[in-house]
Amino acid sequence: MSKIILDVDTGVDDALAIIYGIESKKIDLLGITTVSGNVPLHMTERNTRKVLRLIGREDIKVYPGADRPLIREPEYEFRVHGTDGIGNALDDMKIENQTEEQFAADFIIEQAKKYKGDLTLIMVGPVTNLALALRKEPKIADWINEVIIMGGLVSMAGKGNKLPNSEFNIFADAEAASIVFHSGIEVTLVSLDVTLQTYMKLEHIEKLKGTKYYDFVLNSTKVFRAFSEKQYGTNGCALHDPLTIGYFLDPSYIETKKYFVDVETVSPLNYGQTICDFRNLWKKEPNVNICLNVDAERFIDDFIETLKQA
């Protein structure tokens, strides 16, 4: 079983992804690294540790990472994730102020060297930590087996969630994404093209009634669902980050194909756009596996069933 590092900017769907991955009992998790993204770094770390306490896995270590993008100033998404990042669903939970001293990028380098060829990074926030790790130790590009990233928009122009053509995680640090895409690592991009087909609606959440996670899922997604209804006309929580975990657990959920993909880092209209050369006009070697189709209902059913059985 491949060793896993999960890199998060813990907002609502990150929290659901952490729960899904751990409760699947199918991942060998070495640790969780945190990054500034949906909310500031101190919130992503706190939220991650709260979720681990909810699960009952406080033994899993959390390594704080980049508190800002490589170049730009950070932008947050409180309107989607609430004032604390997880819909204030765990406001009553108290945790001690403790943190691992090792920096996330250094943890990634250490584990990549230790488990050469047997380490997969699942990254559901901006990829700043991996970009920093690559800058410090370029050899990890050969040591890491695969990087699975929630991010981007490749074939649904105009349907971004930050700019019309840009998805938030890539927009949050497009320079970091460019470094990762061109590093030579095997990269799979689980983009809005497929994640926006995985809305968890109230009818799905109600299937969790009477189970361990019902209250958390219902309450943490309220702000997210309200935002989605106002913005997109759908009262649901898109399972962006859980689907990224789902792809690792069962690649048959998603149909993928490898193309050359680049990232826009200059244009104010399209900063963070992931540009896929479907017709090979640039004649460049394919570097990113992109997602073409998703078995959405089967995935959602498995997500709900995994949480029900916890």
Protein backbone atom coordinates (compact mmCIF):
# COMPACT_ATOMS: atom_id res chain seq x y z
CA MET A 1 0.00 0.00 0.00
CA SER A 2 1.39 3.38 -1.05
CA LYS A 3 2.36 5.77 1.74
CA ILE A 4 0.27 8.94 1.79
CA ILE A 5 0.79 12.55 2.80
CA LEU A 6 -2.43 14.56 2.76
CA ASP A 7 -1.91 18.30 2.19
CA VAL A 8 -4.89 20.46 3.20
CA ASP A 9 -6.12 24.03 3.65
CA THR A 10 -8.87 22.77 5.91
CA GLY A 11 -12.18 24.27 4.99
CA VAL A 12 -15.43 22.34 4.83
CA ASP A 13 -14.70 19.91 2.01
CA ASP A 14 -11.14 19.34 3.26
CA ALA A 15 -12.62 18.25 6.58
CA LEU A 16 -14.93 15.84 4.77
CA ALA A 17 -11.96 14.52 2.77
CA ILE A 18 -9.95 13.87 5.94
CA ILE A 19 -12.86 11.96 7.45
CA TYR A 20 -13.49 9.99 4.25
CA GLY A 21 -9.85 9.02 3.80
CA ILE A 22 -9.27 7.93 7.37
CA GLU A 23 -12.60 6.13 7.77
CA SER A 24 -12.03 4.24 4.50
CA LYS A 25 -9.29 2.32 6.35
CA LYS A 26 -7.56 2.09 2.96
CA ILE A 27 -4.78 4.66 3.25
CA ASP A 28 -1.43 4.47 5.03
CA LEU A 29 -1.30 8.08 6.22
CA LEU A 30 2.15 9.31 7.25
CA GLY A 31 0.91 12.72 8.32
CA ILE A 32 -1.08 15.76 7.29
CA THR A 33 0.51 18.99 6.07
CA THR A 34 -1.34 22.29 6.18
CA VAL A 35 -1.19 25.36 3.97
CA SER A 36 -2.76 28.79 3.72
CA GLY A 37 -5.71 28.66 1.35
CA ASN A 38 -9.41 28.60 2.18
CA VAL A 39 -8.51 30.28 5.47
CA PRO A 40 -5.24 31.44 7.08
CA LEU A 41 -2.66 28.84 8.12
CA HIS A 42 -3.39 28.97 11.85
CA MET A 43 -7.04 28.16 11.10
CA THR A 44 -6.23 25.32 8.70
CA GLU A 45 -4.01 23.74 11.35
CA ARG A 46 -6.57 24.18 14.12
CA ASN A 47 -9.41 22.88 11.97
CA THR A 48 -7.37 19.85 10.93
CA ARG A 49 -6.62 18.94 14.51
CA LYS A 50 -10.26 19.41 15.51
CA VAL A 51 -11.36 17.06 12.74
CA LEU A 52 -8.79 14.50 13.85
CA ARG A 53 -10.17 14.72 17.39
CA LEU A 54 -13.70 14.24 16.04
CA ILE A 55 -12.53 11.11 14.22
CA GLY A 56 -10.60 9.89 17.25
CA ARG A 57 -7.20 9.95 15.51
CA GLU A 58 -5.23 12.58 17.37
CA ASP A 59 -2.21 10.31 16.94
CA ILE A 60 -1.89 11.56 13.36
CA LYS A 61 0.64 14.38 13.25
CA VAL A 62 -0.06 17.72 11.60
CA TYR A 63 2.80 19.69 10.04
CA PRO A 64 2.28 23.42 9.41
CA GLY A 65 3.41 24.72 6.05
CA ALA A 66 3.34 27.88 3.96
CA ASP A 67 1.39 30.77 5.46
CA ARG A 68 1.18 32.60 2.12
CA PRO A 69 1.61 32.00 -1.62
CA LEU A 70 5.07 32.12 -3.18
CA ILE A 71 4.60 35.63 -4.59
CA ARG A 72 1.08 37.00 -4.19
CA GLU A 73 -0.80 38.09 -1.12
CA PRO A 74 -3.23 35.45 0.15
CA GLU A 75 -6.96 35.57 -0.57
CA TYR A 76 -9.40 33.57 1.58
CA GLU A 77 -12.88 32.11 1.09
CA PHE A 78 -14.78 32.79 4.32
CA ARG A 79 -17.96 33.30 2.31
CA VAL A 80 -17.87 29.60 1.37
CA HIS A 81 -16.41 28.05 4.52
CA GLY A 82 -17.66 30.30 7.31
CA THR A 83 -15.79 32.53 9.73
CA ASP A 84 -13.67 29.68 11.09
CA GLY A 85 -13.34 27.61 7.90
CA ILE A 86 -15.54 24.67 8.89
CA GLY A 87 -18.91 26.36 9.24
CA ASN A 88 -18.44 26.88 13.00
CA ALA A 89 -19.52 23.26 13.45
CA LEU A 90 -16.87 22.50 16.07
CA ASP A 91 -16.83 25.80 17.96
CA ASP A 92 -17.39 24.02 21.27
CA MET A 93 -14.42 21.68 20.80
CA LYS A 94 -11.31 22.72 22.70
CA ILE A 95 -7.84 21.65 21.61
CA GLU A 96 -4.46 22.36 23.13
CA ASN A 97 -2.08 24.75 21.39
CA GLN A 98 0.51 22.31 20.15
CA THR A 99 2.15 21.86 16.81
CA GLU A 100 4.87 19.85 15.12
CA GLU A 101 8.06 21.83 14.78
CA GLN A 102 9.04 20.35 11.41
CA PHE A 103 8.01 22.50 8.45
CA ALA A 104 5.66 20.83 5.97
CA ALA A 105 8.03 21.09 2.99
CA ASP A 106 10.81 19.48 5.03
CA PHE A 107 8.45 16.69 6.10
CA ILE A 108 7.59 16.04 2.43
CA ILE A 109 11.30 15.89 1.51
CA GLU A 110 12.09 13.59 4.44
CA GLN A 111 9.30 11.14 3.65
CA ALA A 112 9.95 11.20 -0.11
CA LYS A 113 13.55 10.23 0.55
CA LYS A 114 12.54 7.55 3.05
CA TYR A 115 9.88 5.98 0.82
CA LYS A 116 11.40 6.45 -2.62
CA GLY A 117 8.90 5.44 -5.30
CA ASP A 118 6.26 4.57 -2.72
CA LEU A 119 4.92 7.98 -1.68
CA THR A 120 1.75 9.61 -3.02
CA LEU A 121 0.82 13.19 -2.18
CA ILE A 122 -2.90 13.99 -2.12
CA MET A 123 -3.17 17.77 -2.21
CA VAL A 124 -6.54 19.45 -1.79
CA GLY A 125 -5.41 23.06 -1.34
CA PRO A 126 -2.83 25.33 -2.98
CA VAL A 127 0.33 23.33 -3.77
CA THR A 128 2.73 25.82 -2.17
CA ASN A 129 4.27 23.27 0.21
CA LEU A 130 5.27 20.93 -2.62
CA ALA A 131 6.65 23.81 -4.71
CA LEU A 132 8.83 24.85 -1.78
CA ALA A 133 9.96 21.25 -1.30
CA LEU A 134 10.89 20.98 -4.99
CA ARG A 135 12.86 24.20 -4.83
CA LYS A 136 14.80 22.95 -1.80
CA GLU A 137 15.34 19.38 -3.01
CA PRO A 138 14.62 18.87 -6.72
CA LYS A 139 15.41 15.14 -6.43
CA ILE A 140 12.02 14.50 -4.86
CA ALA A 141 10.55 14.75 -8.37
CA ASP A 142 12.09 11.31 -8.95
CA TRP A 143 11.27 9.98 -5.48
CA ILE A 144 7.53 10.76 -5.36
CA ASN A 145 5.29 8.18 -7.02
CA GLU A 146 2.33 10.45 -7.79
CA VAL A 147 0.70 13.73 -6.85
CA ILE A 148 -3.11 13.94 -6.95
CA ILE A 149 -4.28 17.55 -6.86
CA MET A 150 -7.75 18.99 -6.40
CA GLY A 151 -7.61 21.99 -8.66
CA GLY A 152 -8.05 23.60 -12.01
CA LEU A 153 -10.61 23.86 -14.76
CA VAL A 154 -9.71 22.43 -18.15
CA SER A 155 -12.73 22.04 -20.43
CA MET A 156 -15.55 24.10 -18.92
CA ALA A 157 -14.43 27.62 -19.78
CA GLY A 158 -16.30 30.29 -17.90
CA LYS A 159 -17.37 27.98 -15.06
CA GLY A 160 -14.56 28.67 -12.62
CA ASN A 161 -15.15 29.41 -8.95
CA LYS A 162 -12.64 32.24 -8.44
CA LEU A 163 -12.36 33.84 -11.87
CA PRO A 164 -14.51 32.75 -14.82
CA ASN A 165 -11.68 30.52 -16.07
CA SER A 166 -9.88 29.82 -12.78
CA GLU A 167 -10.40 27.44 -9.88
CA PHE A 168 -9.57 28.62 -6.36
CA ASN A 169 -6.72 26.26 -5.37
CA ILE A 170 -4.69 27.01 -8.50
CA PHE A 171 -5.60 30.71 -8.37
CA ALA A 172 -4.41 30.84 -4.75
CA ASP A 173 -0.85 30.12 -5.89
CA ALA A 174 -0.53 29.72 -9.64
CA GLU A 175 3.26 30.08 -9.53
CA ALA A 176 3.46 27.07 -7.20
CA ALA A 177 1.16 25.07 -9.51
CA SER A 178 3.40 25.90 -12.46
CA ILE A 179 6.44 24.57 -10.60
CA VAL A 180 4.65 21.33 -9.74
CA PHE A 181 3.17 20.79 -13.22
CA HIS A 182 6.59 21.17 -14.86
CA SER A 183 8.54 19.20 -12.25
CA GLY A 184 8.35 15.83 -14.00
CA ILE A 185 6.29 14.27 -11.20
CA GLU A 186 3.31 12.17 -12.25
CA VAL A 187 0.44 14.62 -11.65
CA THR A 188 -3.31 14.01 -11.77
CA LEU A 189 -5.56 17.06 -11.66
CA VAL A 190 -9.01 16.42 -10.18
CA SER A 191 -10.64 19.56 -11.54
CA LEU A 192 -13.94 21.39 -11.33
CA ASP A 193 -14.90 19.61 -14.55
CA VAL A 194 -15.67 16.52 -12.47
CA THR A 195 -15.97 17.77 -8.89
CA LEU A 196 -18.91 20.02 -9.77
CA GLN A 197 -20.82 16.87 -10.66
CA THR A 198 -20.56 15.56 -7.08
CA TYR A 199 -22.97 17.73 -5.11
CA MET A 200 -23.89 16.31 -1.71
CA LYS A 201 -27.44 17.52 -1.09
CA LEU A 202 -29.68 17.36 1.97
CA GLU A 203 -31.14 14.07 0.78
CA HIS A 204 -27.64 12.57 0.96
CA ILE A 205 -26.86 14.10 4.34
CA GLU A 206 -30.10 12.74 5.81
CA LYS A 207 -28.83 9.22 5.13
CA LEU A 208 -26.29 9.89 7.88
CA LYS A 209 -28.95 10.61 10.50
CA GLY A 210 -28.21 8.75 13.72
CA THR A 211 -24.57 8.18 12.80
CA LYS A 212 -21.31 9.60 14.18
CA TYR A 213 -20.88 12.31 11.57
CA TYR A 214 -24.45 13.47 10.89
CA ASP A 215 -24.33 16.62 13.02
CA PHE A 216 -20.93 17.66 11.76
CA VAL A 217 -21.76 17.13 8.08
CA LEU A 218 -25.12 18.90 8.39
CA ASN A 219 -23.80 21.87 10.35
CA SER A 220 -20.40 22.34 8.69
CA THR A 221 -21.93 22.47 5.20
CA LYS A 222 -24.68 25.02 5.96
CA VAL A 223 -22.70 28.06 4.81
CA PHE A 224 -21.26 26.15 1.85
CA ARG A 225 -24.70 24.94 0.75
CA ALA A 226 -26.24 28.39 1.15
CA PHE A 227 -23.45 29.92 -0.93
CA SER A 228 -23.91 27.28 -3.64
CA GLU A 229 -27.65 27.89 -3.75
CA LYS A 230 -27.22 31.64 -4.06
CA GLN A 231 -24.36 31.50 -6.56
CA TYR A 232 -25.18 28.41 -8.62
CA GLY A 233 -28.80 27.57 -7.81
CA THR A 234 -27.94 24.26 -6.11
CA ASN A 235 -28.40 23.71 -2.37
CA GLY A 236 -25.51 21.32 -1.97
CA CYS A 237 -21.87 20.95 -1.08
CA ALA A 238 -19.65 19.97 -3.99
CA LEU A 239 -17.37 17.19 -2.78
CA HIS A 240 -14.26 18.63 -4.42
CA ASP A 241 -11.71 17.32 -1.94
CA PRO A 242 -13.42 14.02 -1.05
CA LEU A 243 -13.51 13.12 -4.76
CA THR A 244 -9.74 13.62 -4.85
CA ILE A 245 -9.44 11.07 -2.04
CA GLY A 246 -11.98 8.90 -3.86
CA TYR A 247 -9.84 8.84 -7.00
CA PHE A 248 -6.94 7.46 -4.97
CA LEU A 249 -9.15 4.84 -3.31
CA ASP A 250 -10.77 3.77 -6.59
CA PRO A 251 -9.38 5.25 -9.83
CA SER A 252 -12.36 3.81 -11.74
CA TYR A 253 -14.50 6.67 -10.40
CA ILE A 254 -12.84 8.98 -12.92
CA GLU A 255 -11.76 8.65 -16.55
CA THR A 256 -8.41 10.38 -17.11
CA LYS A 257 -6.10 11.14 -20.03
CA LYS A 258 -2.68 12.77 -20.12
CA TYR A 259 -2.17 16.08 -21.94
CA PHE A 260 0.19 19.02 -21.77
CA VAL A 261 -1.17 21.51 -19.23
CA ASP A 262 0.20 24.92 -18.33
CA VAL A 263 -0.84 27.60 -15.84
CA GLU A 264 -1.49 31.27 -16.53
CA THR A 265 0.51 33.43 -14.11
CA VAL A 266 0.39 36.86 -15.81
CA SER A 267 -3.05 37.83 -17.07
CA PRO A 268 -5.33 39.59 -14.55
CA LEU A 269 -8.30 38.18 -16.49
CA ASN A 270 -7.16 34.55 -16.31
CA TYR A 271 -4.62 34.28 -13.48
CA GLY A 272 -4.60 30.68 -12.31
CA GLN A 273 -6.23 29.27 -15.45
CA THR A 274 -5.15 25.71 -16.25
CA ILE A 275 -4.73 25.56 -20.01
CA CYS A 276 -4.91 22.10 -21.56
CA ASP A 277 -3.54 21.58 -25.07
CA PHE A 278 -6.14 19.05 -26.21
CA ARG A 279 -5.07 19.30 -29.87
CA ASN A 280 -1.31 19.23 -29.21
CA LEU A 281 -0.81 22.59 -30.89
CA TRP A 282 2.28 23.26 -28.77
CA LYS A 283 3.83 19.85 -29.57
CA LYS A 284 4.91 19.41 -25.95
CA GLU A 285 5.19 16.25 -23.91
CA PRO A 286 2.02 15.52 -21.87
CA ASN A 287 2.62 16.33 -18.21
CA VAL A 288 -0.74 16.16 -16.39
CA ASN A 289 -3.49 13.57 -16.21
CA ILE A 290 -6.77 15.43 -16.53
CA CYS A 291 -10.26 14.19 -15.69
CA LEU A 292 -12.75 13.67 -18.51
CA ASN A 293 -15.69 11.92 -16.83
CA VAL A 294 -16.80 10.88 -13.35
CA ASP A 295 -19.13 8.21 -11.99
CA ALA A 296 -20.59 10.77 -9.62
CA GLU A 297 -23.46 8.88 -8.03
CA ARG A 298 -21.35 5.79 -7.32
CA PHE A 299 -18.73 7.97 -5.67
CA ILE A 300 -21.27 9.91 -3.58
CA ASP A 301 -22.87 6.64 -2.47
CA ASP A 302 -19.49 5.32 -1.34
CA PHE A 303 -18.68 8.55 0.47
CA ILE A 304 -21.95 8.44 2.41
CA GLU A 305 -21.67 4.71 3.10
CA THR A 306 -18.10 5.10 4.41
CA LEU A 307 -19.21 7.76 6.88
CA LYS A 308 -22.29 5.74 7.87
CA GLN A 309 -20.20 2.72 8.79
CA ALA A 310 -17.78 4.66 10.97
